[in-house]
Amino acid sequence: MKKEIYVTKASGDRELFNENKIYKTIIRSGASKELANLVLREIKSRLYDGISTREILEIATKILEEKKPEAAAKYNLKYAIMALGPAGYTFENYFAEILNEYNYKTRLRQIVSGGCVNHEIDIIAEEFPKSRIFERPSPIRYMIELKYHNISGIYTGLKEVLYTYARFLDLIDGWKAGKCEKFDKPWLVCNTKFSLDAIQYANCKSMKLLGWRFPAGYGLEVMIEKRNLYPITLLRNLDKETLNAFSNARFMLLKDLFKFKPEEIESKTGINKRKIIELIQEAKKIMV
């Protein structure tokens, strides 16, 4: 009888080793089937009960870096998002840019009066439904709360969902009192997974959630991969100072580096032109 191998996640939880899950992730990074199978064989040859997900990541990344560097970068997407910074400010900028690419209209860090208190809303986003000829439907306006984790294995739980929904209810009261604009729906976004209680409560309240691999088949990672909205933190030669300069200038996506000439990016960010050219060359290898 084949011995079951368990993997230890960053949270300390254990789950059965799932080679199909790893295979699909490697394929999504742009690797060929042959390369994905090569990586899997190497991982399986070094498996032991209790192996950490981090160790598996390092094995896969080392081979991908040797065979196909651009696939290695995309395979590390989850950790690239966590590298956005110790706080959530840069993640807010990044997710706002993702929404803009999906044709939402966004406003960042707005102070809005509720029925009882003022609230700083991470992102106000307006979605414009497709209209018929001569019709201009009103936008759907979301109050978006972002929960950012820079450590893997942490779940976004019921507390965060309750907090977001309570703020939404106070904003509804603020609108009824004529203090603020109308918000149609609360939306909680995180870069990790949601707990089952969080999902259950959000579903009960028709509240929108977006996180890592949630909703199933259309989580944050799919939203990113579908339109190549990779964060600039996939660049290995990106230091903290350069990241902050990019973030302040709202250059959060790799594809942003191709929208302007190097001297224009230098003017907007204050980053040395030579450094910018190096980063553009690295970005080209990832975005092929």
Protein backbone atom coordinates (compact mmCIF):
# COMPACT_ATOMS: atom_id res chain seq x y z
CA MET A 1 0.00 0.00 0.00
CA LYS A 2 1.34 3.41 -1.04
CA LYS A 3 2.33 5.59 1.92
CA GLU A 4 0.49 8.90 2.16
CA ILE A 5 2.70 11.98 2.16
CA TYR A 6 1.56 15.12 3.95
CA VAL A 7 2.74 18.64 3.19
CA THR A 8 3.12 21.27 5.92
CA LYS A 9 1.71 24.65 4.97
CA ALA A 10 3.05 27.99 6.22
CA SER A 11 0.14 28.12 8.69
CA GLY A 12 1.31 24.84 10.23
CA ASP A 13 -1.67 22.92 8.82
CA ARG A 14 -1.01 19.66 7.01
CA GLU A 15 -2.60 18.43 3.81
CA LEU A 16 -2.06 15.49 1.47
CA PHE A 17 0.54 16.05 -1.23
CA ASN A 18 -1.33 16.83 -4.46
CA GLU A 19 0.86 16.55 -7.54
CA ASN A 20 -1.98 17.61 -9.86
CA LYS A 21 -2.29 20.92 -8.01
CA ILE A 22 1.43 21.62 -8.45
CA TYR A 23 1.35 20.51 -12.09
CA LYS A 24 -1.49 22.92 -12.92
CA THR A 25 0.30 25.82 -11.21
CA ILE A 26 3.50 25.15 -13.18
CA ILE A 27 1.56 24.95 -16.46
CA ARG A 28 -0.20 28.25 -15.66
CA SER A 29 3.22 29.86 -15.26
CA GLY A 30 3.90 29.18 -18.95
CA ALA A 31 5.98 26.01 -18.65
CA SER A 32 5.57 23.19 -21.15
CA LYS A 33 4.09 19.82 -20.17
CA GLU A 34 7.55 18.29 -20.47
CA LEU A 35 9.07 20.87 -18.13
CA ALA A 36 6.18 20.54 -15.66
CA ASN A 37 6.71 16.77 -15.55
CA LEU A 38 10.46 17.26 -15.07
CA VAL A 39 9.80 19.53 -12.07
CA LEU A 40 7.29 17.06 -10.63
CA ARG A 41 9.73 14.17 -10.91
CA GLU A 42 12.37 16.15 -9.03
CA ILE A 43 9.91 17.15 -6.31
CA LYS A 44 8.65 13.57 -5.88
CA SER A 45 12.22 12.26 -5.66
CA ARG A 46 12.82 14.56 -2.67
CA LEU A 47 9.48 14.14 -0.92
CA TYR A 48 9.21 13.19 2.71
CA ASP A 49 6.31 13.28 5.12
CA GLY A 50 5.92 16.78 6.52
CA ILE A 51 7.83 18.58 3.75
CA SER A 52 7.01 22.28 3.76
CA THR A 53 5.26 24.05 0.90
CA ARG A 54 8.17 26.51 0.94
CA GLU A 55 10.67 23.72 0.25
CA ILE A 56 8.54 22.45 -2.64
CA LEU A 57 8.42 26.01 -4.01
CA GLU A 58 12.21 26.31 -3.81
CA ILE A 59 12.75 23.00 -5.64
CA ALA A 60 10.37 23.99 -8.43
CA THR A 61 11.70 27.54 -8.71
CA LYS A 62 15.33 26.40 -9.00
CA ILE A 63 14.56 24.13 -11.97
CA LEU A 64 12.31 26.68 -13.65
CA GLU A 65 14.96 29.39 -13.28
CA GLU A 66 17.45 27.14 -15.08
CA LYS A 67 15.07 26.03 -17.84
CA LYS A 68 12.63 28.92 -18.25
CA PRO A 69 13.23 32.01 -16.06
CA GLU A 70 10.00 33.74 -17.07
CA ALA A 71 7.99 30.73 -15.87
CA ALA A 72 9.87 30.79 -12.55
CA ALA A 73 8.82 34.40 -12.01
CA LYS A 74 5.15 33.70 -12.69
CA TYR A 75 5.23 30.56 -10.55
CA ASN A 76 6.22 32.83 -7.66
CA LEU A 77 3.21 35.12 -8.15
CA LYS A 78 1.78 34.56 -4.66
CA TYR A 79 5.08 35.53 -3.03
CA ALA A 80 5.58 38.45 -5.40
CA ILE A 81 2.30 39.90 -4.10
CA MET A 82 3.49 39.40 -0.52
CA ALA A 83 6.67 41.26 -1.48
CA LEU A 84 4.64 44.40 -2.17
CA GLY A 85 5.52 45.54 1.33
CA PRO A 86 5.01 45.10 5.06
CA ALA A 87 1.81 47.19 4.98
CA GLY A 88 -1.20 47.24 2.68
CA TYR A 89 -0.68 50.63 1.03
CA THR A 90 1.13 49.28 -2.03
CA PHE A 91 -1.35 46.40 -2.35
CA GLU A 92 -4.16 48.97 -2.53
CA ASN A 93 -2.38 50.73 -5.40
CA TYR A 94 -1.78 47.42 -7.15
CA PHE A 95 -5.36 46.17 -6.88
CA ALA A 96 -6.73 49.54 -8.02
CA GLU A 97 -4.65 49.18 -11.18
CA ILE A 98 -6.04 45.67 -11.71
CA LEU A 99 -9.58 47.06 -11.45
CA ASN A 100 -8.74 49.84 -13.90
CA GLU A 101 -7.59 47.21 -16.41
CA TYR A 102 -11.01 45.56 -16.02
CA ASN A 103 -12.71 48.89 -16.81
CA TYR A 104 -13.71 49.83 -13.28
CA LYS A 105 -13.42 53.47 -12.28
CA THR A 106 -11.51 53.69 -9.00
CA ARG A 107 -10.77 56.15 -6.21
CA LEU A 108 -8.21 55.36 -3.53
CA ARG A 109 -8.31 56.04 0.21
CA GLN A 110 -11.40 58.22 0.41
CA ILE A 111 -12.83 59.64 3.66
CA VAL A 112 -16.61 59.10 3.61
CA SER A 113 -19.21 60.09 6.22
CA GLY A 114 -21.35 57.26 7.53
CA GLY A 115 -24.40 57.50 9.74
CA CYS A 116 -22.31 57.42 12.92
CA VAL A 117 -18.64 58.00 12.01
CA ASN A 118 -16.33 58.81 9.14
CA HIS A 119 -14.68 55.92 7.28
CA GLU A 120 -11.50 55.74 5.21
CA ILE A 121 -12.44 53.52 2.31
CA ASP A 122 -9.49 51.68 0.72
CA ILE A 123 -11.01 51.74 -2.77
CA ILE A 124 -14.29 53.04 -4.15
CA ALA A 125 -14.93 51.27 -7.44
CA GLU A 126 -17.65 51.81 -10.00
CA GLU A 127 -18.61 49.08 -12.44
CA PHE A 128 -20.49 50.15 -15.55
CA PRO A 129 -22.82 47.42 -16.86
CA LYS A 130 -23.09 46.92 -20.59
CA SER A 131 -25.91 49.09 -21.86
CA ARG A 132 -28.36 48.90 -24.69
CA ILE A 133 -28.45 51.55 -27.39
CA PHE A 134 -29.56 54.97 -26.05
CA GLU A 135 -29.41 53.65 -22.47
CA ARG A 136 -26.89 54.71 -19.85
CA PRO A 137 -27.40 52.58 -16.75
CA SER A 138 -26.18 53.79 -13.37
CA PRO A 139 -22.87 52.28 -12.22
CA ILE A 140 -22.67 49.70 -9.46
CA ARG A 141 -20.66 51.32 -6.70
CA TYR A 142 -18.55 49.12 -4.40
CA MET A 143 -17.06 49.93 -1.02
CA ILE A 144 -13.87 47.85 -1.14
CA GLU A 145 -11.97 46.81 1.96
CA LEU A 146 -8.54 45.25 1.38
CA LYS A 147 -6.91 42.82 3.79
CA TYR A 148 -3.24 42.34 3.01
CA HIS A 149 -0.96 39.66 4.48
CA ASN A 150 2.79 39.56 3.87
CA ILE A 151 3.11 36.12 5.46
CA SER A 152 1.81 32.97 3.78
CA GLY A 153 -0.69 30.64 5.41
CA ILE A 154 -2.83 33.29 7.13
CA TYR A 155 -6.57 33.09 6.48
CA THR A 156 -8.85 36.10 6.20
CA GLY A 157 -11.63 35.20 8.59
CA LEU A 158 -15.07 36.02 9.91
CA LYS A 159 -13.85 39.03 11.91
CA GLU A 160 -12.73 40.85 8.76
CA VAL A 161 -15.99 40.05 6.97
CA LEU A 162 -18.09 41.30 9.92
CA TYR A 163 -16.00 44.47 10.13
CA THR A 164 -16.43 45.21 6.41
CA TYR A 165 -20.17 44.57 6.48
CA ALA A 166 -20.67 46.76 9.57
CA ARG A 167 -18.90 49.65 7.82
CA PHE A 168 -21.10 49.14 4.78
CA LEU A 169 -24.25 49.34 6.93
CA ASP A 170 -23.06 52.62 8.48
CA LEU A 171 -22.45 54.01 4.99
CA ILE A 172 -25.99 53.04 4.00
CA ASP A 173 -27.21 55.05 7.00
CA GLY A 174 -24.95 57.92 5.91
CA TRP A 175 -26.51 57.89 2.45
CA LYS A 176 -30.03 57.87 3.87
CA ALA A 177 -29.08 60.90 5.98
CA GLY A 178 -27.68 62.68 2.92
CA LYS A 179 -24.09 62.54 4.17
CA CYS A 180 -22.54 60.44 1.40
CA GLU A 181 -23.05 58.83 -1.98
CA LYS A 182 -24.87 55.53 -2.27
CA PHE A 183 -22.90 52.30 -2.07
CA ASP A 184 -24.50 49.23 -3.65
CA LYS A 185 -22.32 46.45 -2.29
CA PRO A 186 -19.45 45.73 0.08
CA TRP A 187 -16.43 43.91 -1.34
CA LEU A 188 -13.64 42.34 0.72
CA VAL A 189 -10.40 41.57 -1.13
CA CYS A 190 -7.38 39.73 0.27
CA ASN A 191 -4.21 38.11 -1.08
CA THR A 192 -4.68 34.88 0.90
CA LYS A 193 -7.55 32.44 1.41
CA PHE A 194 -10.82 32.96 3.27
CA SER A 195 -12.03 30.84 6.18
CA LEU A 196 -15.20 28.78 5.72
CA ASP A 197 -17.08 30.97 8.23
CA ALA A 198 -16.08 34.09 6.32
CA ILE A 199 -17.38 32.61 3.06
CA GLN A 200 -20.60 31.41 4.66
CA TYR A 201 -21.39 34.80 6.18
CA ALA A 202 -20.52 36.70 3.00
CA ASN A 203 -22.77 34.43 0.94
CA CYS A 204 -25.60 34.94 3.43
CA LYS A 205 -25.28 38.74 3.10
CA SER A 206 -24.68 38.74 -0.70
CA MET A 207 -21.29 40.27 -0.01
CA LYS A 208 -18.57 40.08 -2.64
CA LEU A 209 -15.30 38.30 -1.80
CA LEU A 210 -12.09 37.98 -3.80
CA GLY A 211 -9.01 36.16 -2.56
CA TRP A 212 -6.43 33.55 -3.46
CA ARG A 213 -8.27 30.79 -5.32
CA PHE A 214 -11.62 32.30 -4.39
CA PRO A 215 -14.15 32.34 -5.96
CA ALA A 216 -13.29 28.90 -7.32
CA GLY A 217 -11.96 29.22 -10.85
CA TYR A 218 -11.83 33.01 -10.70
CA GLY A 219 -9.74 34.05 -7.74
CA LEU A 220 -7.23 36.88 -7.51
CA GLU A 221 -4.54 34.84 -9.26
CA VAL A 222 -6.82 34.12 -12.24
CA MET A 223 -7.84 37.76 -12.49
CA ILE A 224 -4.13 38.62 -12.69
CA GLU A 225 -3.08 35.86 -15.09
CA LYS A 226 -6.01 36.31 -17.46
CA ARG A 227 -4.80 39.75 -18.54
CA ASN A 228 -1.10 39.55 -17.64
CA LEU A 229 -1.50 41.99 -14.74
CA TYR A 230 1.64 40.81 -12.99
CA PRO A 231 3.04 43.01 -10.19
CA ILE A 232 6.39 44.71 -10.60
CA THR A 233 7.60 42.72 -7.59
CA LEU A 234 8.15 39.77 -9.93
CA LEU A 235 11.33 41.62 -10.93
CA ARG A 236 14.30 40.15 -9.05
CA ASN A 237 16.35 43.34 -9.34
CA LEU A 238 13.69 45.49 -7.68
CA ASP A 239 14.82 47.02 -4.38
CA LYS A 240 12.57 48.56 -1.72
CA GLU A 241 13.39 52.15 -2.66
CA THR A 242 12.57 51.53 -6.33
CA LEU A 243 9.34 49.74 -5.39
CA ASN A 244 8.23 52.73 -3.31
CA ALA A 245 9.04 55.11 -6.16
CA PHE A 246 7.02 53.01 -8.60
CA SER A 247 4.12 52.73 -6.16
CA ASN A 248 3.96 56.48 -5.54
CA ALA A 249 3.82 57.05 -9.30
CA ARG A 250 1.17 54.28 -9.71
CA PHE A 251 3.49 52.05 -11.76
CA MET A 252 2.31 48.76 -10.25
CA LEU A 253 2.10 46.40 -13.24
CA LEU A 254 4.92 44.97 -15.32
CA LYS A 255 3.06 46.09 -18.42
CA ASP A 256 3.26 49.70 -17.15
CA LEU A 257 6.97 49.66 -17.98
CA PHE A 258 6.13 49.34 -21.69
CA LYS A 259 3.67 52.25 -21.85
CA PHE A 260 6.30 54.98 -21.64
CA LYS A 261 9.85 55.66 -22.78
CA PRO A 262 12.56 55.13 -20.12
CA GLU A 263 13.16 58.87 -19.80
CA GLU A 264 9.43 59.44 -19.23
CA ILE A 265 9.39 56.81 -16.47
CA GLU A 266 12.48 58.46 -14.97
CA SER A 267 10.66 61.80 -14.95
CA LYS A 268 7.54 60.31 -13.32
CA THR A 269 9.31 58.17 -10.71
CA GLY A 270 12.72 59.72 -10.10
CA ILE A 271 14.35 56.33 -10.74
CA ASN A 272 17.66 56.39 -12.63
CA LYS A 273 17.17 55.79 -16.37
CA ARG A 274 19.85 53.08 -16.46
CA LYS A 275 18.06 51.18 -13.67
CA ILE A 276 14.76 51.52 -15.55
CA ILE A 277 16.24 50.09 -18.75
CA GLU A 278 17.59 47.08 -16.78
CA LEU A 279 14.16 46.45 -15.25
CA ILE A 280 12.44 46.76 -18.63
CA GLN A 281 14.77 44.13 -20.08
CA GLU A 282 13.99 41.80 -17.18
CA ALA A 283 10.25 42.46 -17.57
CA LYS A 284 10.40 41.57 -21.27
CA LYS A 285 11.67 38.10 -20.41
CA ILE A 286 8.75 37.54 -18.02
CA MET A 287 6.05 38.94 -20.28
CA VAL A 288 6.92 36.83 -23.36
